Amino acid sequence: MMRNHEQRGLPAVIRLFFDIAMHRKGPQDVPAARGVFMFALGAYLLAGAAALWPTASGTREVFGQLMLDLVLMVVLCAALLALTGRAARLGQTLAALFGTGALLSAAALPFVWLLAATLGGVETMPESIPPAAALSSIALFGLLLASLLVTGHILRHALDWSYAGGVMAATAYFALSTFVFRSVFPVS
């Protein structure tokens, strides 16, 4: 049995985002409170910065990538919700995306940092990939798939679409954001 202070505290918010990621709850279950939104946004930005740091050329690049990611997510999410007549759901939808995104980014951190440490500074791919790099790549690919499914789950509830429609929208968003990121921050 949870105590009252545990239900209102930080663990309850994290548990909520975990339940959304596990498809047990949806964005409609996120309280429309500014504090929850700001916590989710802050966690998303911190986890994102930690995930970007090992491969970025510096603080400016990390900041630029985080801001571009935020703009893309907010604009595309707001546009989708407005086009479907559900603009009032924007705050809860973004909070759910930020909170689950923070959890998934935190789960990716050990693999991102291990991959960067294993292959960091390599100008061309080595003839054989170290096992740690291969395992990290597989784990990150699994987390990418999980991210698409979680985002699809959130979008299906926010837009009142089917699960497949939500996952397709999440995949389209991923493709578009990858294109924009590679255009603005080219890989050298």
Protein backbone atom coordinates (compact mmCIF):
# COMPACT_ATOMS: atom_id res chain seq x y z
CA MET A 1 0.00 0.00 0.00
CA MET A 2 1.37 3.42 -0.97
CA ARG A 3 1.49 6.20 1.54
CA ASN A 4 -0.01 9.59 0.64
CA HIS A 5 3.37 11.28 0.31
CA GLU A 6 4.54 8.58 -2.11
CA GLN A 7 1.47 8.99 -4.31
CA ARG A 8 2.10 12.72 -4.75
CA GLY A 9 5.89 12.64 -4.83
CA LEU A 10 8.52 12.13 -7.44
CA PRO A 11 8.27 8.34 -7.55
CA ALA A 12 4.58 8.56 -8.51
CA VAL A 13 5.39 10.79 -11.49
CA ILE A 14 8.16 8.49 -12.64
CA ARG A 15 5.87 5.49 -12.16
CA LEU A 16 3.22 7.22 -14.29
CA PHE A 17 5.64 7.70 -17.19
CA PHE A 18 6.87 4.13 -16.78
CA ASP A 19 3.25 2.91 -16.96
CA ILE A 20 2.71 4.95 -20.13
CA ALA A 21 5.88 3.46 -21.64
CA MET A 22 4.58 -0.01 -20.75
CA HIS A 23 1.22 0.82 -22.44
CA ARG A 24 -0.69 0.52 -19.15
CA LYS A 25 -1.68 4.20 -19.16
CA GLY A 26 -1.90 6.95 -21.73
CA PRO A 27 -1.35 10.70 -22.02
CA GLN A 28 -4.87 11.27 -20.74
CA ASP A 29 -3.63 9.99 -17.36
CA VAL A 30 -1.00 12.74 -17.05
CA PRO A 31 -2.21 15.47 -14.70
CA ALA A 32 -2.64 18.76 -16.56
CA ALA A 33 -0.43 20.44 -13.95
CA ARG A 34 2.39 22.80 -14.82
CA GLY A 35 4.70 21.08 -12.31
CA VAL A 36 4.32 17.68 -13.99
CA PHE A 37 4.92 19.21 -17.42
CA MET A 38 8.02 21.11 -16.24
CA PHE A 39 9.41 18.02 -14.49
CA ALA A 40 8.96 15.93 -17.63
CA LEU A 41 10.51 18.64 -19.82
CA GLY A 42 13.47 19.08 -17.48
CA ALA A 43 14.09 15.34 -17.25
CA TYR A 44 13.83 15.07 -21.05
CA LEU A 45 16.37 17.83 -21.59
CA LEU A 46 18.80 16.45 -18.99
CA ALA A 47 18.63 12.89 -20.29
CA GLY A 48 18.88 14.16 -23.87
CA ALA A 49 21.95 16.26 -23.07
CA ALA A 50 23.62 13.31 -21.36
CA ALA A 51 22.90 11.10 -24.38
CA LEU A 52 24.17 13.69 -26.88
CA TRP A 53 27.26 14.74 -24.95
CA PRO A 54 29.67 11.91 -25.91
CA THR A 55 29.29 12.51 -29.64
CA ALA A 56 28.78 16.29 -29.73
CA SER A 57 31.55 18.74 -30.56
CA GLY A 58 30.63 20.90 -27.57
CA THR A 59 27.98 22.56 -25.48
CA ARG A 60 26.67 24.68 -28.36
CA GLU A 61 25.99 21.61 -30.47
CA VAL A 62 24.22 19.84 -27.60
CA PHE A 63 22.10 22.93 -26.94
CA GLY A 64 21.33 23.34 -30.66
CA GLN A 65 20.28 19.72 -31.05
CA LEU A 66 18.08 19.84 -27.95
CA MET A 67 16.37 23.04 -29.10
CA LEU A 68 15.82 21.68 -32.61
CA ASP A 69 14.36 18.49 -31.14
CA LEU A 70 12.00 20.50 -28.92
CA VAL A 71 10.84 22.74 -31.76
CA LEU A 72 10.19 19.77 -34.05
CA MET A 73 8.31 17.84 -31.38
CA VAL A 74 6.16 20.77 -30.24
CA VAL A 75 5.36 22.04 -33.74
CA LEU A 76 4.55 18.64 -35.24
CA CYS A 77 2.58 17.48 -32.21
CA ALA A 78 0.63 20.76 -32.08
CA ALA A 79 -0.07 20.56 -35.80
CA LEU A 80 -1.32 16.96 -35.62
CA LEU A 81 -3.54 17.69 -32.64
CA ALA A 82 -4.90 20.89 -34.22
CA LEU A 83 -5.62 19.18 -37.54
CA THR A 84 -7.61 16.48 -35.75
CA GLY A 85 -9.48 18.93 -33.51
CA ARG A 86 -7.70 17.86 -30.33
CA ALA A 87 -5.48 20.88 -29.62
CA ALA A 88 -6.58 20.91 -25.96
CA ARG A 89 -4.58 17.70 -25.44
CA LEU A 90 -1.23 19.29 -26.31
CA GLY A 91 0.10 19.77 -22.77
CA GLN A 92 -0.65 16.25 -21.61
CA THR A 93 0.60 14.73 -24.86
CA LEU A 94 3.89 16.62 -24.71
CA ALA A 95 4.32 15.78 -21.02
CA ALA A 96 3.82 12.09 -21.83
CA LEU A 97 6.29 12.29 -24.73
CA PHE A 98 8.86 14.16 -22.62
CA GLY A 99 8.49 11.87 -19.59
CA THR A 100 8.71 8.62 -21.52
CA GLY A 101 11.46 10.08 -23.71
CA ALA A 102 13.47 10.87 -20.58
CA LEU A 103 13.07 7.29 -19.35
CA LEU A 104 14.11 5.82 -22.70
CA SER A 105 17.06 8.20 -23.00
CA ALA A 106 18.16 7.30 -19.47
CA ALA A 107 17.98 3.62 -20.40
CA ALA A 108 20.12 4.34 -23.48
CA LEU A 109 22.84 6.22 -21.57
CA PRO A 110 25.09 3.27 -20.68
CA PHE A 111 24.99 2.02 -24.26
CA VAL A 112 25.60 5.46 -25.80
CA TRP A 113 28.55 6.11 -23.51
CA LEU A 114 29.98 2.61 -24.01
CA LEU A 115 29.66 2.94 -27.78
CA ALA A 116 31.34 6.35 -27.71
CA ALA A 117 34.14 5.03 -25.50
CA THR A 118 34.64 1.99 -27.72
CA LEU A 119 34.51 3.74 -31.10
CA GLY A 120 35.20 7.33 -30.07
CA GLY A 121 37.55 9.21 -32.36
CA VAL A 122 37.42 6.53 -35.05
CA GLU A 123 37.43 8.25 -38.45
CA THR A 124 36.50 5.10 -40.39
CA MET A 125 34.82 1.94 -39.25
CA PRO A 126 37.36 -0.64 -38.03
CA GLU A 127 37.56 -4.00 -39.79
CA SER A 128 36.08 -5.73 -36.79
CA ILE A 129 33.69 -4.12 -34.36
CA PRO A 130 34.49 -4.70 -30.70
CA PRO A 131 31.87 -6.84 -28.93
CA ALA A 132 30.95 -4.01 -26.55
CA ALA A 133 30.19 -1.73 -29.51
CA ALA A 134 28.16 -4.43 -31.25
CA LEU A 135 26.10 -5.16 -28.14
CA SER A 136 25.58 -1.44 -27.49
CA SER A 137 24.39 -0.94 -31.07
CA ILE A 138 21.91 -3.80 -30.76
CA ALA A 139 20.61 -2.43 -27.45
CA LEU A 140 20.24 1.06 -28.93
CA PHE A 141 18.36 -0.33 -31.92
CA GLY A 142 16.01 -2.13 -29.52
CA LEU A 143 15.46 1.11 -27.61
CA LEU A 144 14.75 2.93 -30.89
CA LEU A 145 12.05 0.37 -31.69
CA ALA A 146 10.66 0.71 -28.17
CA SER A 147 10.63 4.48 -28.57
CA LEU A 148 8.62 4.22 -31.79
CA LEU A 149 6.11 1.92 -30.10
CA VAL A 150 5.80 4.15 -27.01
CA THR A 151 5.40 7.29 -29.13
CA GLY A 152 2.84 5.46 -31.26
CA HIS A 153 0.95 4.45 -28.12
CA ILE A 154 0.88 8.06 -26.90
CA LEU A 155 -0.18 9.43 -30.29
CA ARG A 156 -2.94 6.85 -30.69
CA HIS A 157 -4.52 8.00 -27.44
CA ALA A 158 -3.98 11.70 -28.09
CA LEU A 159 -5.34 11.55 -31.64
CA ASP A 160 -7.94 8.79 -31.13
CA TRP A 161 -6.27 6.74 -33.86
CA SER A 162 -5.53 3.04 -34.04
CA TYR A 163 -2.29 1.74 -32.55
CA ALA A 164 -0.95 1.09 -36.05
CA GLY A 165 -1.81 4.67 -37.06
CA GLY A 166 0.01 6.00 -34.00
CA VAL A 167 3.10 3.90 -34.72
CA MET A 168 3.05 5.01 -38.37
CA ALA A 169 2.86 8.66 -37.25
CA ALA A 170 5.74 8.05 -34.81
CA THR A 171 7.80 6.45 -37.59
CA ALA A 172 7.06 9.35 -39.95
CA TYR A 173 8.09 11.79 -37.21
CA PHE A 174 11.33 9.85 -36.67
CA ALA A 175 12.13 9.87 -40.40
CA LEU A 176 11.39 13.59 -40.71
CA SER A 177 13.39 14.51 -37.62
CA THR A 178 16.33 12.38 -38.78
CA PHE A 179 16.29 14.17 -42.14
CA VAL A 180 16.12 17.61 -40.49
CA PHE A 181 18.86 16.75 -37.99
CA ARG A 182 21.19 15.41 -40.69
CA SER A 183 20.56 18.56 -42.75
CA VAL A 184 21.25 20.95 -39.85
CA PHE A 185 23.95 18.87 -38.10
CA PRO A 186 25.69 16.89 -40.87
CA VAL A 187 27.77 13.90 -39.90
CA SER A 188 31.38 14.50 -40.86
